Amino acid sequence: MIISGDEVAKSLGINPERVRIVVMLVATFLTASIISFTGTIGFICLVAPHICRIIIGGDYRYLLPASTLFGGALLLICDTIARTIIAPVILPVGVITNCLGGPMFLYLLIRRKREYWS
């Protein structure tokens, strides 16, 4: 597979900036619709691979199994926290996963923006 730059795309008559924006919007709406149907526990499936990529690196031979194991362990930890944080009352596990996932994605967006503009 050959990966070409923006210059090659422009020479083929494709507007790379518009394609990026459309792809990001479609991916955002697809992710939002999936999360709205599956609930916020599915947020773990989005956060775990990014955390593993930071820890392990980008080699997919190790990243895929590590992401599945880490995702299960992370959900187990979040469920344990949700059950024990207010002992008689059990919080929904989605509250804990959102508290973890929101700041994680903000961090990833800020880091990606810095890498893109520098």
PDB file of N, CA and C in Angstrom:
ATOM      1  N   MET A   1       0.842  -1.175   0.000  1.00  0.00           N
ATOM      2  CA  MET A   1       0.000   0.000   0.000  1.00  0.00           C
ATOM      3  C   MET A   1       0.888   1.238   0.000  1.00  0.00           C
ATOM      4  N   ILE A   2       0.618   2.118  -0.913  1.00  0.00           N
ATOM      5  CA  ILE A   2       1.406   3.340  -1.037  1.00  0.00           C
ATOM      6  C   ILE A   2       0.636   4.481  -0.365  1.00  0.00           C
ATOM      7  N   ILE A   3       1.308   5.167   0.530  1.00  0.00           N
ATOM      8  CA  ILE A   3       0.704   6.308   1.199  1.00  0.00           C
ATOM      9  C   ILE A   3       1.265   7.569   0.559  1.00  0.00           C
ATOM     10  N   SER A   4       0.371   8.373   0.009  1.00  0.00           N
ATOM     11  CA  SER A   4       0.792   9.584  -0.682  1.00  0.00           C
ATOM     12  C   SER A   4       0.361  10.803   0.122  1.00  0.00           C
ATOM     13  N   GLY A   5       0.972  11.920  -0.172  1.00  0.00           N
ATOM     14  CA  GLY A   5       0.692  13.151   0.546  1.00  0.00           C
ATOM     15  C   GLY A   5      -0.421  13.964  -0.083  1.00  0.00           C
ATOM     16  N   ASP A   6      -0.577  15.169   0.445  1.00  0.00           N
ATOM     17  CA  ASP A   6      -1.609  16.076  -0.041  1.00  0.00           C
ATOM     18  C   ASP A   6      -1.359  16.515  -1.477  1.00  0.00           C
ATOM     19  N   GLU A   7      -0.086  16.610  -1.859  1.00  0.00           N
ATOM     20  CA  GLU A   7       0.227  17.058  -3.210  1.00  0.00           C
ATOM     21  C   GLU A   7      -0.301  16.081  -4.249  1.00  0.00           C
ATOM     22  N   VAL A   8      -0.136  14.790  -3.990  1.00  0.00           N
ATOM     23  CA  VAL A   8      -0.622  13.772  -4.923  1.00  0.00           C
ATOM     24  C   VAL A   8      -2.144  13.803  -4.986  1.00  0.00           C
ATOM     25  N   ALA A   9      -2.800  13.975  -3.833  1.00  0.00           N
ATOM     26  CA  ALA A   9      -4.260  14.048  -3.820  1.00  0.00           C
ATOM     27  C   ALA A   9      -4.750  15.258  -4.598  1.00  0.00           C
ATOM     28  N   LYS A  10      -4.083  16.383  -4.431  1.00  0.00           N
ATOM     29  CA  LYS A  10      -4.473  17.595  -5.171  1.00  0.00           C
ATOM     30  C   LYS A  10      -4.274  17.404  -6.670  1.00  0.00           C
ATOM     31  N   SER A  11      -3.205  16.717  -7.045  1.00  0.00           N
ATOM     32  CA  SER A  11      -2.968  16.495  -8.471  1.00  0.00           C
ATOM     33  C   SER A  11      -4.006  15.554  -9.082  1.00  0.00           C
ATOM     34  N   LEU A  12      -4.635  14.731  -8.256  1.00  0.00           N
ATOM     35  CA  LEU A  12      -5.699  13.846  -8.731  1.00  0.00           C
ATOM     36  C   LEU A  12      -7.065  14.515  -8.699  1.00  0.00           C
ATOM     37  N   GLY A  13      -7.113  15.765  -8.250  1.00  0.00           N
ATOM     38  CA  GLY A  13      -8.373  16.499  -8.234  1.00  0.00           C
ATOM     39  C   GLY A  13      -9.170  16.343  -6.956  1.00  0.00           C
ATOM     40  N   ILE A  14      -8.529  15.914  -5.891  1.00  0.00           N
ATOM     41  CA  ILE A  14      -9.201  15.722  -4.601  1.00  0.00           C
ATOM     42  C   ILE A  14      -8.790  16.854  -3.675  1.00  0.00           C
ATOM     43  N   ASN A  15      -9.762  17.396  -2.957  1.00  0.00           N
ATOM     44  CA  ASN A  15      -9.478  18.437  -1.976  1.00  0.00           C
ATOM     45  C   ASN A  15      -9.237  17.753  -0.626  1.00  0.00           C
ATOM     46  N   PRO A  16      -7.969  17.592  -0.198  1.00  0.00           N
ATOM     47  CA  PRO A  16      -7.687  16.830   1.023  1.00  0.00           C
ATOM     48  C   PRO A  16      -8.274  17.446   2.290  1.00  0.00           C
ATOM     49  N   GLU A  17      -8.323  18.762   2.369  1.00  0.00           N
ATOM     50  CA  GLU A  17      -8.865  19.404   3.572  1.00  0.00           C
ATOM     51  C   GLU A  17     -10.355  19.102   3.709  1.00  0.00           C
ATOM     52  N   ARG A  18     -11.090  19.182   2.601  1.00  0.00           N
ATOM     53  CA  ARG A  18     -12.524  18.896   2.633  1.00  0.00           C
ATOM     54  C   ARG A  18     -12.778  17.428   2.951  1.00  0.00           C
ATOM     55  N   VAL A  19     -11.965  16.542   2.392  1.00  0.00           N
ATOM     56  CA  VAL A  19     -12.109  15.110   2.675  1.00  0.00           C
ATOM     57  C   VAL A  19     -11.853  14.841   4.152  1.00  0.00           C
ATOM     58  N   ARG A  20     -10.825  15.474   4.731  1.00  0.00           N
ATOM     59  CA  ARG A  20     -10.547  15.291   6.161  1.00  0.00           C
ATOM     60  C   ARG A  20     -11.720  15.736   7.019  1.00  0.00           C
ATOM     61  N   ILE A  21     -12.279  16.890   6.694  1.00  0.00           N
ATOM     62  CA  ILE A  21     -13.404  17.414   7.476  1.00  0.00           C
ATOM     63  C   ILE A  21     -14.609  16.491   7.370  1.00  0.00           C
ATOM     64  N   VAL A  22     -14.922  16.031   6.161  1.00  0.00           N
ATOM     65  CA  VAL A  22     -16.074  15.144   5.967  1.00  0.00           C
ATOM     66  C   VAL A  22     -15.862  13.828   6.703  1.00  0.00           C
ATOM     67  N   VAL A  23     -14.665  13.263   6.599  1.00  0.00           N
ATOM     68  CA  VAL A  23     -14.381  11.990   7.274  1.00  0.00           C
ATOM     69  C   VAL A  23     -14.469  12.162   8.787  1.00  0.00           C
ATOM     70  N   MET A  24     -13.952  13.268   9.319  1.00  0.00           N
ATOM     71  CA  MET A  24     -14.037  13.499  10.767  1.00  0.00           C
ATOM     72  C   MET A  24     -15.477  13.671  11.224  1.00  0.00           C
ATOM     73  N   LEU A  25     -16.272  14.387  10.451  1.00  0.00           N
ATOM     74  CA  LEU A  25     -17.682  14.561  10.812  1.00  0.00           C
ATOM     75  C   LEU A  25     -18.433  13.241  10.773  1.00  0.00           C
ATOM     76  N   VAL A  26     -18.210  12.451   9.736  1.00  0.00           N
ATOM     77  CA  VAL A  26     -18.883  11.149   9.641  1.00  0.00           C
ATOM     78  C   VAL A  26     -18.451  10.245  10.795  1.00  0.00           C
ATOM     79  N   ALA A  27     -17.146  10.214  11.092  1.00  0.00           N
ATOM     80  CA  ALA A  27     -16.661   9.386  12.202  1.00  0.00           C
ATOM     81  C   ALA A  27     -17.228   9.856  13.535  1.00  0.00           C
ATOM     82  N   THR A  28     -17.343  11.167  13.716  1.00  0.00           N
ATOM     83  CA  THR A  28     -17.901  11.699  14.959  1.00  0.00           C
ATOM     84  C   THR A  28     -19.363  11.315  15.115  1.00  0.00           C
ATOM     85  N   PHE A  29     -20.139  11.470  14.045  1.00  0.00           N
ATOM     86  CA  PHE A  29     -21.555  11.122  14.133  1.00  0.00           C
ATOM     87  C   PHE A  29     -21.766   9.623  14.296  1.00  0.00           C
ATOM     88  N   LEU A  30     -20.941   8.806  13.646  1.00  0.00           N
ATOM     89  CA  LEU A  30     -21.054   7.360  13.835  1.00  0.00           C
ATOM     90  C   LEU A  30     -20.715   6.964  15.269  1.00  0.00           C
ATOM     91  N   THR A  31     -19.655   7.543  15.802  1.00  0.00           N
ATOM     92  CA  THR A  31     -19.275   7.241  17.182  1.00  0.00           C
ATOM     93  C   THR A  31     -20.348   7.692  18.158  1.00  0.00           C
ATOM     94  N   ALA A  32     -20.896   8.884  17.946  1.00  0.00           N
ATOM     95  CA  ALA A  32     -21.955   9.389  18.827  1.00  0.00           C
ATOM     96  C   ALA A  32     -23.197   8.515  18.758  1.00  0.00           C
ATOM     97  N   SER A  33     -23.553   8.060  17.573  1.00  0.00           N
ATOM     98  CA  SER A  33     -24.745   7.214  17.469  1.00  0.00           C
ATOM     99  C   SER A  33     -24.514   5.846  18.099  1.00  0.00           C
ATOM    100  N   ILE A  34     -23.331   5.289  17.942  1.00  0.00           N
ATOM    101  CA  ILE A  34     -23.039   3.994  18.571  1.00  0.00           C
ATOM    102  C   ILE A  34     -23.064   4.118  20.084  1.00  0.00           C
ATOM    103  N   ILE A  35     -22.459   5.174  20.621  1.00  0.00           N
ATOM    104  CA  ILE A  35     -22.448   5.368  22.070  1.00  0.00           C
ATOM    105  C   ILE A  35     -23.859   5.615  22.588  1.00  0.00           C
ATOM    106  N   SER A  36     -24.684   6.320  21.817  1.00  0.00           N
ATOM    107  CA  SER A  36     -26.053   6.577  22.281  1.00  0.00           C
ATOM    108  C   SER A  36     -26.872   5.297  22.348  1.00  0.00           C
ATOM    109  N   PHE A  37     -26.568   4.321  21.501  1.00  0.00           N
ATOM    110  CA  PHE A  37     -27.297   3.056  21.549  1.00  0.00           C
ATOM    111  C   PHE A  37     -26.717   2.082  22.564  1.00  0.00           C
ATOM    112  N   THR A  38     -25.395   2.000  22.650  1.00  0.00           N
ATOM    113  CA  THR A  38     -24.780   1.019  23.534  1.00  0.00           C
ATOM    114  C   THR A  38     -24.594   1.522  24.947  1.00  0.00           C
ATOM    115  N   GLY A  39     -24.621   2.815  25.131  1.00  0.00           N
ATOM    116  CA  GLY A  39     -24.416   3.378  26.461  1.00  0.00           C
ATOM    117  C   GLY A  39     -22.973   3.778  26.649  1.00  0.00           C
ATOM    118  N   THR A  40     -22.728   4.385  27.756  1.00  0.00           N
ATOM    119  CA  THR A  40     -21.395   4.930  27.992  1.00  0.00           C
ATOM    120  C   THR A  40     -20.378   3.869  28.378  1.00  0.00           C
ATOM    121  N   ILE A  41     -20.826   2.647  28.631  1.00  0.00           N
ATOM    122  CA  ILE A  41     -19.861   1.591  28.910  1.00  0.00           C
ATOM    123  C   ILE A  41     -19.045   1.308  27.654  1.00  0.00           C
ATOM    124  N   GLY A  42     -19.642   1.508  26.488  1.00  0.00           N
ATOM    125  CA  GLY A  42     -18.918   1.345  25.243  1.00  0.00           C
ATOM    126  C   GLY A  42     -17.793   2.344  25.084  1.00  0.00           C
ATOM    127  N   PHE A  43     -17.785   3.369  25.928  1.00  0.00           N
ATOM    128  CA  PHE A  43     -16.724   4.360  25.920  1.00  0.00           C
ATOM    129  C   PHE A  43     -15.377   3.707  26.231  1.00  0.00           C
ATOM    130  N   ILE A  44     -15.406   2.615  26.984  1.00  0.00           N
ATOM    131  CA  ILE A  44     -14.180   1.885  27.327  1.00  0.00           C
ATOM    132  C   ILE A  44     -13.502   1.383  26.063  1.00  0.00           C
ATOM    133  N   CYS A  45     -14.310   0.950  25.099  1.00  0.00           N
ATOM    134  CA  CYS A  45     -13.736   0.446  23.844  1.00  0.00           C
ATOM    135  C   CYS A  45     -13.013   1.533  23.074  1.00  0.00           C
ATOM    136  N   LEU A  46     -13.332   2.772  23.339  1.00  0.00           N
ATOM    137  CA  LEU A  46     -12.648   3.871  22.667  1.00  0.00           C
ATOM    138  C   LEU A  46     -11.431   4.353  23.445  1.00  0.00           C
ATOM    139  N   VAL A  47     -11.467   4.225  24.762  1.00  0.00           N
ATOM    140  CA  VAL A  47     -10.388   4.747  25.606  1.00  0.00           C
ATOM    141  C   VAL A  47      -9.247   3.743  25.756  1.00  0.00           C
ATOM    142  N   ALA A  48      -9.565   2.468  25.907  1.00  0.00           N
ATOM    143  CA  ALA A  48      -8.546   1.452  26.182  1.00  0.00           C
ATOM    144  C   ALA A  48      -7.453   1.370  25.110  1.00  0.00           C
ATOM    145  N   PRO A  49      -7.787   1.374  23.820  1.00  0.00           N
ATOM    146  CA  PRO A  49      -6.692   1.304  22.835  1.00  0.00           C
ATOM    147  C   PRO A  49      -5.758   2.511  22.866  1.00  0.00           C
ATOM    148  N   HIS A  50      -6.298   3.688  23.170  1.00  0.00           N
ATOM    149  CA  HIS A  50      -5.445   4.867  23.225  1.00  0.00           C
ATOM    150  C   HIS A  50      -4.501   4.818  24.418  1.00  0.00           C
ATOM    151  N   ILE A  51      -5.001   4.349  25.541  1.00  0.00           N
ATOM    152  CA  ILE A  51      -4.131   4.212  26.717  1.00  0.00           C
ATOM    153  C   ILE A  51      -3.054   3.168  26.450  1.00  0.00           C
ATOM    154  N   CYS A  52      -3.445   2.053  25.832  1.00  0.00           N
ATOM    155  CA  CYS A  52      -2.457   1.009  25.518  1.00  0.00           C
ATOM    156  C   CYS A  52      -1.437   1.494  24.496  1.00  0.00           C
ATOM    157  N   ARG A  53      -1.877   2.301  23.546  1.00  0.00           N
ATOM    158  CA  ARG A  53      -0.940   2.827  22.547  1.00  0.00           C
ATOM    159  C   ARG A  53       0.096   3.722  23.213  1.00  0.00           C
ATOM    160  N   ILE A  54      -0.317   4.493  24.223  1.00  0.00           N
ATOM    161  CA  ILE A  54       0.626   5.347  24.946  1.00  0.00           C
ATOM    162  C   ILE A  54       1.629   4.486  25.712  1.00  0.00           C
ATOM    163  N   ILE A  55       1.148   3.397  26.305  1.00  0.00           N
ATOM    164  CA  ILE A  55       2.011   2.544  27.137  1.00  0.00           C
ATOM    165  C   ILE A  55       2.865   1.601  26.290  1.00  0.00           C
ATOM    166  N   ILE A  56       2.233   0.902  25.330  1.00  0.00           N
ATOM    167  CA  ILE A  56       2.915  -0.158  24.578  1.00  0.00           C
ATOM    168  C   ILE A  56       3.591   0.353  23.314  1.00  0.00           C
ATOM    169  N   GLY A  57       2.907   1.213  22.586  1.00  0.00           N
ATOM    170  CA  GLY A  57       3.428   1.674  21.304  1.00  0.00           C
ATOM    171  C   GLY A  57       2.453   1.309  20.193  1.00  0.00           C
ATOM    172  N   GLY A  58       2.870   1.465  18.959  1.00  0.00           N
ATOM    173  CA  GLY A  58       1.975   1.297  17.830  1.00  0.00           C
ATOM    174  C   GLY A  58       2.024  -0.058  17.146  1.00  0.00           C
ATOM    175  N   ASP A  59       2.745  -1.033  17.674  1.00  0.00           N
ATOM    176  CA  ASP A  59       2.828  -2.350  17.048  1.00  0.00           C
ATOM    177  C   ASP A  59       1.522  -3.110  17.288  1.00  0.00           C
ATOM    178  N   TYR A  60       0.776  -3.339  16.215  1.00  0.00           N
ATOM    179  CA  TYR A  60      -0.553  -3.930  16.342  1.00  0.00           C
ATOM    180  C   TYR A  60      -0.535  -5.382  16.805  1.00  0.00           C
ATOM    181  N   ARG A  61       0.583  -6.061  16.653  1.00  0.00           N
ATOM    182  CA  ARG A  61       0.662  -7.443  17.141  1.00  0.00           C
ATOM    183  C   ARG A  61       0.491  -7.494  18.653  1.00  0.00           C
ATOM    184  N   TYR A  62       0.959  -6.470  19.329  1.00  0.00           N
ATOM    185  CA  TYR A  62       0.844  -6.417  20.785  1.00  0.00           C
ATOM    186  C   TYR A  62      -0.304  -5.511  21.231  1.00  0.00           C
ATOM    187  N   LEU A  63      -0.632  -4.529  20.402  1.00  0.00           N
ATOM    188  CA  LEU A  63      -1.637  -3.552  20.783  1.00  0.00           C
ATOM    189  C   LEU A  63      -3.037  -4.140  20.844  1.00  0.00           C
ATOM    190  N   LEU A  64      -3.405  -4.981  19.892  1.00  0.00           N
ATOM    191  CA  LEU A  64      -4.753  -5.555  19.865  1.00  0.00           C
ATOM    192  C   LEU A  64      -5.034  -6.455  21.068  1.00  0.00           C
ATOM    193  N   PRO A  65      -4.177  -7.428  21.379  1.00  0.00           N
ATOM    194  CA  PRO A  65      -4.460  -8.234  22.577  1.00  0.00           C
ATOM    195  C   PRO A  65      -4.384  -7.426  23.874  1.00  0.00           C
ATOM    196  N   ALA A  66      -3.438  -6.491  23.927  1.00  0.00           N
ATOM    197  CA  ALA A  66      -3.312  -5.667  25.132  1.00  0.00           C
ATOM    198  C   ALA A  66      -4.540  -4.787  25.312  1.00  0.00           C
ATOM    199  N   SER A  67      -5.096  -4.278  24.223  1.00  0.00           N
ATOM    200  CA  SER A  67      -6.285  -3.430  24.311  1.00  0.00           C
ATOM    201  C   SER A  67      -7.489  -4.210  24.816  1.00  0.00           C
ATOM    202  N   THR A  68      -7.649  -5.438  24.356  1.00  0.00           N
ATOM    203  CA  THR A  68      -8.789  -6.239  24.829  1.00  0.00           C
ATOM    204  C   THR A  68      -8.639  -6.587  26.308  1.00  0.00           C
ATOM    205  N   LEU A  69      -7.451  -6.979  26.699  1.00  0.00           N
ATOM    206  CA  LEU A  69      -7.238  -7.306  28.117  1.00  0.00           C
ATOM    207  C   LEU A  69      -7.349  -6.067  28.999  1.00  0.00           C
ATOM    208  N   PHE A  70      -6.767  -4.968  28.546  1.00  0.00           N
ATOM    209  CA  PHE A  70      -6.815  -3.737  29.325  1.00  0.00           C
ATOM    210  C   PHE A  70      -8.234  -3.184  29.392  1.00  0.00           C
ATOM    211  N   GLY A  71      -8.994  -3.308  28.312  1.00  0.00           N
ATOM    212  CA  GLY A  71     -10.383  -2.846  28.318  1.00  0.00           C
ATOM    213  C   GLY A  71     -11.223  -3.597  29.336  1.00  0.00           C
ATOM    214  N   GLY A  72     -11.054  -4.924  29.389  1.00  0.00           N
ATOM    215  CA  GLY A  72     -11.775  -5.717  30.388  1.00  0.00           C
ATOM    216  C   GLY A  72     -11.359  -5.371  31.806  1.00  0.00           C
ATOM    217  N   ALA A  73     -10.051  -5.222  32.010  1.00  0.00           N
ATOM    218  CA  ALA A  73      -9.558  -4.866  33.345  1.00  0.00           C
ATOM    219  C   ALA A  73     -10.014  -3.468  33.744  1.00  0.00           C
ATOM    220  N   LEU A  74     -10.030  -2.551  32.787  1.00  0.00           N
ATOM    221  CA  LEU A  74     -10.454  -1.184  33.074  1.00  0.00           C
ATOM    222  C   LEU A  74     -11.936  -1.133  33.447  1.00  0.00           C
ATOM    223  N   LEU A  75     -12.753  -1.892  32.734  1.00  0.00           N
ATOM    224  CA  LEU A  75     -14.173  -1.935  33.063  1.00  0.00           C
ATOM    225  C   LEU A  75     -14.393  -2.580  34.430  1.00  0.00           C
ATOM    226  N   LEU A  76     -13.627  -3.602  34.752  1.00  0.00           N
ATOM    227  CA  LEU A  76     -13.724  -4.233  36.073  1.00  0.00           C
ATOM    228  C   LEU A  76     -13.329  -3.256  37.173  1.00  0.00           C
ATOM    229  N   ILE A  77     -12.280  -2.480  36.950  1.00  0.00           N
ATOM    230  CA  ILE A  77     -11.852  -1.478  37.936  1.00  0.00           C
ATOM    231  C   ILE A  77     -12.917  -0.395  38.089  1.00  0.00           C
ATOM    232  N   CYS A  78     -13.469   0.080  36.956  1.00  0.00           N
ATOM    233  CA  CYS A  78     -14.513   1.103  37.023  1.00  0.00           C
ATOM    234  C   CYS A  78     -15.754   0.590  37.738  1.00  0.00           C
ATOM    235  N   ASP A  79     -16.115  -0.665  37.500  1.00  0.00           N
ATOM    236  CA  ASP A  79     -17.270  -1.239  38.182  1.00  0.00           C
ATOM    237  C   ASP A  79     -17.016  -1.372  39.676  1.00  0.00           C
ATOM    238  N   THR A  80     -15.816  -1.766  40.053  1.00  0.00           N
ATOM    239  CA  THR A  80     -15.483  -1.871  41.477  1.00  0.00           C
ATOM    240  C   THR A  80     -15.528  -0.506  42.148  1.00  0.00           C
ATOM    241  N   ILE A  81     -15.008   0.510  41.470  1.00  0.00           N
ATOM    242  CA  ILE A  81     -15.058   1.874  42.016  1.00  0.00           C
ATOM    243  C   ILE A  81     -16.506   2.334  42.152  1.00  0.00           C
ATOM    244  N   ALA A  82     -17.324   2.050  41.127  1.00  0.00           N
ATOM    245  CA  ALA A  82     -18.729   2.474  41.156  1.00  0.00           C
ATOM    246  C   ALA A  82     -19.499   1.801  42.291  1.00  0.00           C
ATOM    247  N   ARG A  83     -19.138   0.590  42.631  1.00  0.00           N
ATOM    248  CA  ARG A  83     -19.834  -0.119  43.705  1.00  0.00           C
ATOM    249  C   ARG A  83     -19.354   0.284  45.093  1.00  0.00           C
ATOM    250  N   THR A  84     -18.115   0.766  45.214  1.00  0.00           N
ATOM    251  CA  THR A  84     -17.553   1.031  46.537  1.00  0.00           C
ATOM    252  C   THR A  84     -17.404   2.506  46.882  1.00  0.00           C
ATOM    253  N   ILE A  85     -17.571   3.399  45.937  1.00  0.00           N
ATOM    254  CA  ILE A  85     -17.333   4.818  46.221  1.00  0.00           C
ATOM    255  C   ILE A  85     -18.367   5.382  47.197  1.00  0.00           C
ATOM    256  N   ILE A  86     -19.612   5.002  47.045  1.00  0.00           N
ATOM    257  CA  ILE A  86     -20.668   5.345  48.003  1.00  0.00           C
ATOM    258  C   ILE A  86     -21.279   3.999  48.407  1.00  0.00           C
ATOM    259  N   ALA A  87     -20.768   3.420  49.486  1.00  0.00           N
ATOM    260  CA  ALA A  87     -20.992   2.016  49.834  1.00  0.00           C
ATOM    261  C   ALA A  87     -22.437   1.514  49.732  1.00  0.00           C
ATOM    262  N   PRO A  88     -23.429   2.105  50.345  1.00  0.00           N
ATOM    263  CA  PRO A  88     -24.753   1.496  50.212  1.00  0.00           C
ATOM    264  C   PRO A  88     -25.393   1.731  48.847  1.00  0.00           C
ATOM    265  N   VAL A  89     -25.000   2.778  48.159  1.00  0.00           N
ATOM    266  CA  VAL A  89     -25.587   3.107  46.862  1.00  0.00           C
ATOM    267  C   VAL A  89     -24.628   2.680  45.761  1.00  0.00           C
ATOM    268  N   ILE A  90     -25.149   2.024  44.734  1.00  0.00           N
ATOM    269  CA  ILE A  90     -24.325   1.612  43.604  1.00  0.00           C
ATOM    270  C   ILE A  90     -24.498   2.623  42.481  1.00  0.00           C
ATOM    271  N   LEU A  91     -23.414   3.283  42.144  1.00  0.00           N
ATOM    272  CA  LEU A  91     -23.436   4.228  41.022  1.00  0.00           C
ATOM    273  C   LEU A  91     -23.460   3.451  39.705  1.00  0.00           C
ATOM    274  N   PRO A  92     -24.062   4.016  38.675  1.00  0.00           N
ATOM    275  CA  PRO A  92     -23.928   3.387  37.354  1.00  0.00           C
ATOM    276  C   PRO A  92     -22.470   3.428  36.898  1.00  0.00           C
ATOM    277  N   VAL A  93     -22.007   2.356  36.312  1.00  0.00           N
ATOM    278  CA  VAL A  93     -20.610   2.285  35.897  1.00  0.00           C
ATOM    279  C   VAL A  93     -20.311   3.308  34.804  1.00  0.00           C
ATOM    280  N   GLY A  94     -21.323   3.746  34.093  1.00  0.00           N
ATOM    281  CA  GLY A  94     -21.132   4.757  33.062  1.00  0.00           C
ATOM    282  C   GLY A  94     -20.653   6.086  33.615  1.00  0.00           C
ATOM    283  N   VAL A  95     -20.997   6.390  34.851  1.00  0.00           N
ATOM    284  CA  VAL A  95     -20.536   7.632  35.474  1.00  0.00           C
ATOM    285  C   VAL A  95     -19.013   7.606  35.615  1.00  0.00           C
ATOM    286  N   ILE A  96     -18.497   6.499  36.062  1.00  0.00           N
ATOM    287  CA  ILE A  96     -17.047   6.370  36.248  1.00  0.00           C
ATOM    288  C   ILE A  96     -16.336   6.345  34.896  1.00  0.00           C
ATOM    289  N   THR A  97     -16.900   5.612  33.921  1.00  0.00           N
ATOM    290  CA  THR A  97     -16.247   5.557  32.611  1.00  0.00           C
ATOM    291  C   THR A  97     -16.247   6.926  31.931  1.00  0.00           C
ATOM    292  N   ASN A  98     -17.304   7.707  32.134  1.00  0.00           N
ATOM    293  CA  ASN A  98     -17.321   9.065  31.573  1.00  0.00           C
ATOM    294  C   ASN A  98     -16.306   9.962  32.255  1.00  0.00           C
ATOM    295  N   CYS A  99     -16.146   9.803  33.560  1.00  0.00           N
ATOM    296  CA  CYS A  99     -15.144  10.602  34.274  1.00  0.00           C
ATOM    297  C   CYS A  99     -13.730  10.267  33.795  1.00  0.00           C
ATOM    298  N   LEU A 100     -13.527   9.054  33.325  1.00  0.00           N
ATOM    299  CA  LEU A 100     -12.232   8.662  32.789  1.00  0.00           C
ATOM    300  C   LEU A 100     -12.107   9.031  31.311  1.00  0.00           C
ATOM    301  N   GLY A 101     -13.160   8.774  30.545  1.00  0.00           N
ATOM    302  CA  GLY A 101     -13.101   8.944  29.092  1.00  0.00           C
ATOM    303  C   GLY A 101     -13.084  10.383  28.629  1.00  0.00           C
ATOM    304  N   GLY A 102     -13.842  11.242  29.264  1.00  0.00           N
ATOM    305  CA  GLY A 102     -13.890  12.645  28.865  1.00  0.00           C
ATOM    306  C   GLY A 102     -12.538  13.335  28.927  1.00  0.00           C
ATOM    307  N   PRO A 103     -11.884  13.329  30.094  1.00  0.00           N
ATOM    308  CA  PRO A 103     -10.550  13.943  30.164  1.00  0.00           C
ATOM    309  C   PRO A 103      -9.516  13.264  29.258  1.00  0.00           C
ATOM    310  N   MET A 104      -9.665  11.946  29.063  1.00  0.00           N
ATOM    311  CA  MET A 104      -8.724  11.242  28.195  1.00  0.00           C
ATOM    312  C   MET A 104      -8.832  11.745  26.760  1.00  0.00           C
ATOM    313  N   PHE A 105     -10.053  11.903  26.260  1.00  0.00           N
ATOM    314  CA  PHE A 105     -10.215  12.386  24.895  1.00  0.00           C
ATOM    315  C   PHE A 105      -9.841  13.860  24.754  1.00  0.00           C
ATOM    316  N   LEU A 106     -10.077  14.653  25.788  1.00  0.00           N
ATOM    317  CA  LEU A 106      -9.606  16.039  25.735  1.00  0.00           C
ATOM    318  C   LEU A 106      -8.082  16.085  25.656  1.00  0.00           C
ATOM    319  N   TYR A 107      -7.424  15.229  26.419  1.00  0.00           N
ATOM    320  CA  TYR A 107      -5.967  15.146  26.369  1.00  0.00           C
ATOM    321  C   TYR A 107      -5.505  14.742  24.975  1.00  0.00           C
ATOM    322  N   LEU A 108      -6.157  13.739  24.391  1.00  0.00           N
ATOM    323  CA  LEU A 108      -5.770  13.285  23.058  1.00  0.00           C
ATOM    324  C   LEU A 108      -5.992  14.369  22.008  1.00  0.00           C
ATOM    325  N   LEU A 109      -7.100  15.103  22.117  1.00  0.00           N
ATOM    326  CA  LEU A 109      -7.366  16.179  21.164  1.00  0.00           C
ATOM    327  C   LEU A 109      -6.346  17.302  21.283  1.00  0.00           C
ATOM    328  N   ILE A 110      -6.009  17.678  22.511  1.00  0.00           N
ATOM    329  CA  ILE A 110      -5.029  18.745  22.717  1.00  0.00           C
ATOM    330  C   ILE A 110      -3.659  18.304  22.221  1.00  0.00           C
ATOM    331  N   ARG A 111      -3.283  17.076  22.512  1.00  0.00           N
ATOM    332  CA  ARG A 111      -1.989  16.564  22.064  1.00  0.00           C
ATOM    333  C   ARG A 111      -1.929  16.469  20.545  1.00  0.00           C
ATOM    334  N   ARG A 112      -3.017  16.005  19.946  1.00  0.00           N
ATOM    335  CA  ARG A 112      -3.061  15.881  18.481  1.00  0.00           C
ATOM    336  C   ARG A 112      -2.996  17.258  17.827  1.00  0.00           C
ATOM    337  N   LYS A 113      -3.667  18.234  18.423  1.00  0.00           N
ATOM    338  CA  LYS A 113      -3.653  19.584  17.859  1.00  0.00           C
ATOM    339  C   LYS A 113      -2.244  20.172  17.933  1.00  0.00           C
ATOM    340  N   ARG A 114      -1.558  19.939  19.037  1.00  0.00           N
ATOM    341  CA  ARG A 114      -0.184  20.436  19.174  1.00  0.00           C
ATOM    342  C   ARG A 114       0.741  19.778  18.150  1.00  0.00           C
ATOM    343  N   GLU A 115       0.581  18.461  17.949  1.00  0.00           N
ATOM    344  CA  GLU A 115       1.424  17.755  16.984  1.00  0.00           C
ATOM    345  C   GLU A 115       1.119  18.218  15.566  1.00  0.00           C
ATOM    346  N   TYR A 116      -0.140  18.520  15.292  1.00  0.00           N
ATOM    347  CA  TYR A 116      -0.540  18.916  13.951  1.00  0.00           C
ATOM    348  C   TYR A 116      -0.013  20.306  13.603  1.00  0.00           C
ATOM    349  N   TRP A 117      -0.041  21.216  14.568  1.00  0.00           N
ATOM    350  CA  TRP A 117       0.345  22.597  14.288  1.00  0.00           C
ATOM    351  C   TRP A 117       1.834  22.856  14.495  1.00  0.00           C
ATOM    352  N   SER A 118       2.553  21.918  15.085  1.00  0.00           N
ATOM    353  CA  SER A 118       3.995  22.181  15.296  1.00  0.00           C
ATOM    354  C   SER A 118       4.848  21.585  14.206  1.00  0.00           C
TER     355      SER A 118
END
